[in-house]
């Protein structure tokens, strides 16, 4: 019942807003910048640096779309959103796309009238607890207080998990990931639950990360990806195929180091179509032939973006896992550029 009421109310907001004007591309071009919804701050994924410049894995996707459309990766206004405000911001037209650790679900796709344009991170919900709590499994958290962001799938998954295992918990509701981390480290809750990637990101910023453990259980599937409003297929195609370009480029061996050389033409027809030396894929999107080259020039291909922001050489220290290319045992797979 809770889920139906929550999603239904947002669906009404989406419908009231007119869903989509079918002219987002024209609006973005006329405005000269793209408005991209991000988190209020998750290290490695989206967070302003000391100079207030947004950085991160999700931020790179926004910048790639802006470069493809406007020729300028800095022509982006980053709009911080919470679990509660993100969908109304998109439905109302305040933002042109949402790229903030948002899970692709049936209700969000169908009831809320949004269009998920792909998956840029395959995730799952986990739990973090202080090592001195002495638990090794989420099933040992019976009666625990747990920090949980409201307005998220994690809130619903948490209730399902505890009910299904016949145990109880006391929720400590919070609005943002930063607030959740603050409450958790202050001892206001015994454990903190959210997407496993976000747990790793938050733990990396703790004074002593080794004092906290991420428990073994992954209790849900959380395919995360950018989304746009229903009803503007042209804009949806641009966001979708920009993400696909980042993914395909890694599989095809197109990197930031060899991009200019590859763009001049290769013996691989798909690379040529992707980078515009053959065919007219850009024209089909309402863009020019160099759109994908510009997107890739921002921060490289998917693998380069992953490694630079959240990979094993960063404080976040995430392995590719399910987010490896399909040729390397992962789920990452871009449709053909043909």
Protein backbone atom coordinates (compact mmCIF):
# COMPACT_ATOMS: atom_id res chain seq x y z
CA UNK A 1 0.00 0.00 0.00
CA UNK A 2 2.82 2.38 0.91
CA UNK A 3 4.49 1.80 -2.44
CA UNK A 4 1.28 2.41 -4.41
CA UNK A 5 0.51 5.68 -2.64
CA UNK A 6 4.06 7.01 -2.97
CA UNK A 7 4.48 6.19 -6.64
CA UNK A 8 0.89 7.13 -7.53
CA UNK A 9 1.32 10.64 -6.17
CA UNK A 10 4.45 11.16 -8.23
CA UNK A 11 2.73 9.74 -11.28
CA UNK A 12 0.02 12.37 -10.89
CA UNK A 13 2.69 15.06 -10.74
CA UNK A 14 4.30 13.69 -13.89
CA UNK A 15 1.02 13.68 -15.78
CA UNK A 16 0.12 17.15 -14.56
CA UNK A 17 3.40 18.49 -15.87
CA UNK A 18 2.53 17.36 -19.38
CA UNK A 19 5.06 14.49 -19.17
CA UNK A 20 7.31 15.90 -21.89
CA UNK A 21 7.21 18.74 -24.33
CA UNK A 22 8.73 16.63 -27.11
CA UNK A 23 11.18 19.47 -27.62
CA UNK A 24 13.87 19.00 -24.97
CA UNK A 25 16.68 19.08 -27.52
CA UNK A 26 15.47 22.44 -28.87
CA UNK A 27 15.10 23.79 -25.34
CA UNK A 28 18.58 22.69 -24.33
CA UNK A 29 20.10 24.23 -27.45
CA UNK A 30 18.21 27.49 -26.95
CA UNK A 31 19.20 27.62 -23.27
CA UNK A 32 22.82 26.85 -24.10
CA UNK A 33 23.16 24.42 -21.23
CA UNK A 34 21.71 21.16 -19.99
CA UNK A 35 20.18 20.78 -16.53
CA UNK A 36 21.21 17.46 -15.01
CA UNK A 37 19.86 16.07 -11.75
CA UNK A 38 22.47 14.46 -9.49
CA UNK A 39 22.72 13.41 -5.84
CA UNK A 40 23.39 15.85 -3.06
CA UNK A 41 26.77 14.13 -2.87
CA UNK A 42 28.04 10.56 -3.14
CA UNK A 43 31.84 10.27 -3.34
CA UNK A 44 33.00 8.87 -6.65
CA UNK A 45 29.58 9.15 -8.28
CA UNK A 46 28.60 12.81 -7.93
CA UNK A 47 30.11 15.33 -5.56
CA UNK A 48 31.44 18.89 -5.85
CA UNK A 49 35.18 19.26 -5.29
CA UNK A 50 36.85 21.89 -3.11
CA UNK A 51 36.24 24.47 -5.84
CA UNK A 52 32.57 23.58 -6.21
CA UNK A 53 33.09 21.75 -9.51
CA UNK A 54 31.02 18.58 -9.78
CA UNK A 55 33.01 15.38 -10.29
CA UNK A 56 32.22 11.68 -10.48
CA UNK A 57 30.98 8.70 -12.44
CA UNK A 58 27.40 9.98 -12.92
CA UNK A 59 28.66 13.51 -13.53
CA UNK A 60 30.79 12.21 -16.43
CA UNK A 61 27.67 10.83 -18.12
CA UNK A 62 25.97 14.23 -17.84
CA UNK A 63 29.02 15.97 -19.27
CA UNK A 64 29.23 13.48 -22.15
CA UNK A 65 25.62 14.24 -23.14
CA UNK A 66 26.28 17.98 -22.94
CA UNK A 67 29.35 17.61 -25.14
CA UNK A 68 27.43 15.53 -27.69
CA UNK A 69 24.60 18.06 -27.89
CA UNK A 70 26.23 21.42 -27.18
CA UNK A 71 29.89 20.77 -27.91
CA UNK A 72 30.82 21.83 -24.39
CA UNK A 73 31.13 19.42 -21.45
CA UNK A 74 30.94 22.37 -19.05
CA UNK A 75 27.57 23.52 -20.40
CA UNK A 76 25.79 21.69 -17.59
CA UNK A 77 23.90 22.99 -14.60
CA UNK A 78 24.08 20.30 -11.90
CA UNK A 79 20.95 20.22 -9.76
CA UNK A 80 21.31 18.33 -6.46
CA UNK A 81 18.26 16.19 -5.69
CA UNK A 82 17.21 13.85 -2.90
CA UNK A 83 15.33 10.56 -3.03
CA UNK A 84 12.12 12.53 -2.54
CA UNK A 85 12.73 15.47 -4.90
CA UNK A 86 14.41 13.80 -7.89
CA UNK A 87 11.28 12.59 -9.68
CA UNK A 88 9.28 15.80 -9.31
CA UNK A 89 12.32 17.73 -10.58
CA UNK A 90 12.36 15.59 -13.72
CA UNK A 91 8.59 15.52 -14.20
CA UNK A 92 8.29 19.30 -13.84
CA UNK A 93 11.03 20.03 -16.37
CA UNK A 94 13.40 21.52 -13.80
CA UNK A 95 16.01 19.05 -15.08
CA UNK A 96 16.45 17.55 -18.56
CA UNK A 97 17.84 14.23 -17.35
CA UNK A 98 18.39 12.51 -14.03
CA UNK A 99 21.69 10.77 -13.33
CA UNK A 100 21.82 9.99 -9.63
CA UNK A 101 22.04 6.33 -8.59
CA UNK A 102 18.41 5.73 -9.55
CA UNK A 103 17.14 2.16 -9.83
CA UNK A 104 15.21 1.10 -12.92
CA UNK A 105 11.93 -0.40 -11.71
CA UNK A 106 8.56 -1.22 -13.25
CA UNK A 107 6.70 1.50 -11.35
CA UNK A 108 9.17 4.23 -12.18
CA UNK A 109 9.23 3.30 -15.84
CA UNK A 110 5.49 2.77 -16.28
CA UNK A 111 3.57 4.53 -13.51
CA UNK A 112 5.78 7.59 -13.20
CA UNK A 113 6.03 7.96 -16.99
CA UNK A 114 9.80 8.08 -17.13
CA UNK A 115 12.15 6.55 -19.67
CA UNK A 116 15.25 4.76 -18.43
CA UNK A 117 17.88 5.05 -21.12
CA UNK A 118 20.09 2.16 -20.04
CA UNK A 119 22.12 0.86 -17.12
CA UNK A 120 25.42 2.49 -16.24
CA UNK A 121 25.96 0.57 -12.99
CA UNK A 122 24.63 -2.84 -11.94
CA UNK A 123 24.26 -2.69 -8.16
CA UNK A 124 22.49 -4.32 -5.23
CA UNK A 125 21.40 -3.22 -1.78
CA UNK A 126 23.70 -4.02 1.13
CA UNK A 127 24.28 -3.22 4.79
CA UNK A 128 27.14 -1.56 6.65
CA UNK A 129 27.75 -1.92 10.37
CA UNK A 130 30.47 -0.98 12.81
CA UNK A 131 32.94 -3.81 13.22
CA UNK A 132 32.63 -3.70 17.01
CA UNK A 133 28.91 -4.49 16.73
CA UNK A 134 30.06 -8.05 16.17
CA UNK A 135 27.65 -9.05 13.38
CA UNK A 136 28.65 -10.78 10.16
CA UNK A 137 25.20 -11.13 8.58
CA UNK A 138 22.22 -8.82 8.12
CA UNK A 139 20.08 -11.61 9.58
CA UNK A 140 21.77 -10.89 12.92
CA UNK A 141 20.36 -7.35 12.99
CA UNK A 142 17.10 -8.33 14.73
CA UNK A 143 15.88 -5.31 16.71
CA UNK A 144 18.61 -3.04 15.32
CA UNK A 145 18.19 0.62 14.42
CA UNK A 146 18.92 1.14 10.74
CA UNK A 147 19.52 4.39 8.85
CA UNK A 148 17.51 4.48 5.63
CA UNK A 149 16.91 7.17 3.01
CA UNK A 150 13.22 7.88 2.54
CA UNK A 151 11.59 7.84 -0.88
CA UNK A 152 13.87 5.09 -2.21
CA UNK A 153 13.62 1.46 -3.25
CA UNK A 154 16.00 0.67 -0.39
CA UNK A 155 13.27 1.63 2.07
CA UNK A 156 10.90 -0.90 0.52
CA UNK A 157 13.55 -3.62 0.13
CA UNK A 158 14.52 -3.25 3.79
CA UNK A 159 10.96 -3.89 4.93
CA UNK A 160 10.67 -6.91 2.62
CA UNK A 161 13.96 -8.41 3.84
CA UNK A 162 13.16 -8.16 7.54
CA UNK A 163 9.59 -9.37 7.13
CA UNK A 164 10.76 -12.27 4.98
CA UNK A 165 13.28 -13.33 7.62
CA UNK A 166 10.92 -12.92 10.57
CA UNK A 167 12.99 -10.26 12.29
CA UNK A 168 12.34 -6.66 13.26
CA UNK A 169 14.14 -3.32 13.02
CA UNK A 170 13.68 0.31 13.94
CA UNK A 171 14.09 2.66 10.97
CA UNK A 172 16.01 5.91 11.35
CA UNK A 173 14.73 7.93 8.37
CA UNK A 174 17.07 10.40 6.64
CA UNK A 175 16.79 12.59 3.56
CA UNK A 176 20.26 12.28 2.00
CA UNK A 177 23.26 9.99 1.88
CA UNK A 178 25.35 12.59 3.69
CA UNK A 179 22.81 12.76 6.52
CA UNK A 180 22.70 8.95 6.68
CA UNK A 181 26.49 8.76 7.00
CA UNK A 182 26.49 11.47 9.68
CA UNK A 183 23.76 9.76 11.71
CA UNK A 184 25.44 6.37 11.34
CA UNK A 185 28.90 7.57 12.39
CA UNK A 186 27.35 9.50 15.30
CA UNK A 187 25.84 6.25 16.58
CA UNK A 188 22.22 7.14 15.92
CA UNK A 189 21.76 3.82 14.14
CA UNK A 190 23.40 0.41 14.40
CA UNK A 191 23.59 -0.12 10.65
CA UNK A 192 23.14 1.75 7.39
CA UNK A 193 21.57 0.29 4.27
CA UNK A 194 21.68 1.52 0.68
CA UNK A 195 23.22 0.44 -2.63
CA UNK A 196 26.48 -1.42 -2.01
CA UNK A 197 28.40 1.01 -4.22
CA UNK A 198 27.20 3.97 -2.14
CA UNK A 199 28.16 2.17 1.07
CA UNK A 200 31.69 1.72 -0.27
CA UNK A 201 31.77 5.37 -1.34
CA UNK A 202 30.62 6.68 2.04
CA UNK A 203 32.93 4.35 4.00
CA UNK A 204 35.94 5.63 2.06
CA UNK A 205 35.38 9.07 3.62
CA UNK A 206 35.14 7.82 7.21
CA UNK A 207 37.96 8.68 9.60
CA UNK A 208 38.71 4.96 10.00
CA UNK A 209 37.15 2.94 7.16
CA UNK A 210 38.48 -0.32 8.62
CA UNK A 211 36.21 0.11 11.65
CA UNK A 212 33.20 -0.56 9.45
CA UNK A 213 32.24 -3.68 7.50
CA UNK A 214 29.89 -4.17 4.57
CA UNK A 215 27.94 -7.32 5.31
CA UNK A 216 27.82 -10.19 2.85
CA UNK A 217 24.13 -10.00 1.93
CA UNK A 218 23.01 -8.32 -1.27
CA UNK A 219 19.23 -8.29 -0.93
CA UNK A 220 18.09 -6.80 -4.23
CA UNK A 221 18.86 -6.04 -7.85
CA UNK A 222 19.55 -2.34 -8.37
CA UNK A 223 20.20 -1.54 -12.04
CA UNK A 224 21.15 2.15 -11.95
CA UNK A 225 20.96 4.44 -14.93
CA UNK A 226 20.03 7.84 -16.34
CA UNK A 227 16.40 8.63 -17.12
CA UNK A 228 14.33 11.20 -18.97
CA UNK A 229 10.62 11.95 -19.33
CA UNK A 230 8.31 9.83 -21.43
CA UNK A 231 7.07 11.44 -24.61
CA UNK A 232 10.24 12.96 -26.05
CA UNK A 233 11.79 10.06 -27.92
CA UNK A 234 14.36 12.21 -29.71
CA UNK A 235 15.88 13.39 -26.44
CA UNK A 236 15.69 9.91 -24.96
CA UNK A 237 17.58 8.54 -27.94
CA UNK A 238 20.37 11.08 -27.47
CA UNK A 239 20.90 10.20 -23.80
CA UNK A 240 20.57 6.44 -24.49
CA UNK A 241 23.02 6.36 -27.38
CA UNK A 242 25.53 8.63 -25.66
CA UNK A 243 25.69 6.10 -22.82
CA UNK A 244 25.91 3.29 -25.40
CA UNK A 245 28.76 5.14 -27.13
CA UNK A 246 30.78 5.16 -23.89
CA UNK A 247 30.15 1.43 -23.40
CA UNK A 248 30.77 0.42 -27.03
CA UNK A 249 33.95 2.47 -27.25
CA UNK A 250 35.54 0.42 -24.46
CA UNK A 251 34.66 -2.86 -26.19
CA UNK A 252 35.95 -1.53 -29.51
CA UNK A 253 39.22 -0.29 -28.02
CA UNK A 254 38.52 3.42 -28.52
CA UNK A 255 40.19 5.38 -25.72
CA UNK A 256 40.96 8.98 -24.86
CA UNK A 257 44.53 8.32 -26.03
CA UNK A 258 43.68 7.07 -29.54
CA UNK A 259 40.37 8.90 -30.11
CA UNK A 260 41.67 11.45 -32.63
CA UNK A 261 43.44 8.75 -34.62
CA UNK A 262 40.38 6.49 -34.64
CA UNK A 263 38.08 9.34 -35.62
CA UNK A 264 40.09 9.86 -38.80
CA UNK A 265 39.00 6.41 -39.98
CA UNK A 266 39.87 2.78 -39.28
CA UNK A 267 39.49 -0.67 -40.81
CA UNK A 268 36.58 -1.36 -38.42
CA UNK A 269 33.25 -0.21 -39.92
CA UNK A 270 31.52 -0.02 -36.51
CA UNK A 271 34.19 2.29 -35.13
CA UNK A 272 33.82 4.43 -38.23
CA UNK A 273 30.04 4.61 -37.81
CA UNK A 274 30.40 5.41 -34.10
CA UNK A 275 32.89 8.20 -34.66
CA UNK A 276 31.25 9.58 -37.79
CA UNK A 277 33.73 8.88 -40.57
CA UNK A 278 31.12 6.62 -42.21
CA UNK A 279 27.34 6.79 -42.33
CA UNK A 280 24.98 9.31 -40.78
CA UNK A 281 24.17 8.10 -37.28
CA UNK A 282 24.56 11.61 -35.88
CA UNK A 283 22.02 12.96 -38.33
CA UNK A 284 19.51 10.34 -37.17
CA UNK A 285 19.80 11.84 -33.67
CA UNK A 286 19.46 15.41 -34.88
CA UNK A 287 23.16 15.95 -34.19
CA UNK A 288 26.27 16.21 -36.35
CA UNK A 289 28.66 13.39 -37.24
CA UNK A 290 31.13 14.19 -34.42
CA UNK A 291 28.66 13.84 -31.53
CA UNK A 292 30.12 10.59 -30.14
CA UNK A 293 33.69 11.77 -30.58
CA UNK A 294 32.89 14.83 -28.47
CA UNK A 295 31.22 12.65 -25.81
CA UNK A 296 34.26 10.39 -25.61
CA UNK A 297 36.68 13.31 -25.50
CA UNK A 298 35.26 14.41 -22.13
CA UNK A 299 36.61 11.59 -19.94
CA UNK A 300 37.22 8.64 -22.23
CA UNK A 301 35.20 5.44 -22.58
CA UNK A 302 33.13 3.68 -19.91
CA UNK A 303 36.11 1.80 -18.51
CA UNK A 304 38.20 4.95 -18.23
CA UNK A 305 35.37 6.76 -16.44
CA UNK A 306 34.88 3.82 -14.07
CA UNK A 307 38.57 3.47 -13.25
CA UNK A 308 39.11 7.20 -12.69
CA UNK A 309 36.16 7.70 -10.35
CA UNK A 310 35.25 4.50 -8.52
CA UNK A 311 37.73 1.81 -9.63
CA UNK A 312 40.23 -0.20 -7.64
CA UNK A 313 42.89 2.53 -7.83
CA UNK A 314 40.55 5.02 -6.09
CA UNK A 315 39.49 5.31 -2.45
CA UNK A 316 36.11 3.83 -3.44
CA UNK A 317 37.94 0.68 -4.58
CA UNK A 318 35.15 -0.99 -6.57
CA UNK A 319 35.97 -3.92 -8.86
CA UNK A 320 34.27 -4.10 -12.23
CA UNK A 321 32.32 -7.26 -11.31
CA UNK A 322 28.95 -7.25 -13.07
CA UNK A 323 29.96 -3.94 -14.66
CA UNK A 324 32.67 -5.55 -16.76
CA UNK A 325 32.12 -5.86 -20.50
CA UNK A 326 30.12 -8.90 -21.60
CA UNK A 327 33.28 -10.18 -23.25
CA UNK A 328 34.94 -10.17 -19.81
CA UNK A 329 32.20 -11.97 -17.89
CA UNK A 330 30.13 -8.90 -16.95
CA UNK A 331 26.72 -7.61 -18.00
CA UNK A 332 27.87 -4.50 -19.88
CA UNK A 333 26.62 -4.66 -23.46
CA UNK A 334 25.88 -1.94 -26.02
CA UNK A 335 23.61 -2.59 -29.02
CA UNK A 336 25.31 -2.32 -32.43
CA UNK A 337 26.06 1.05 -33.96
CA UNK A 338 24.56 0.22 -37.32
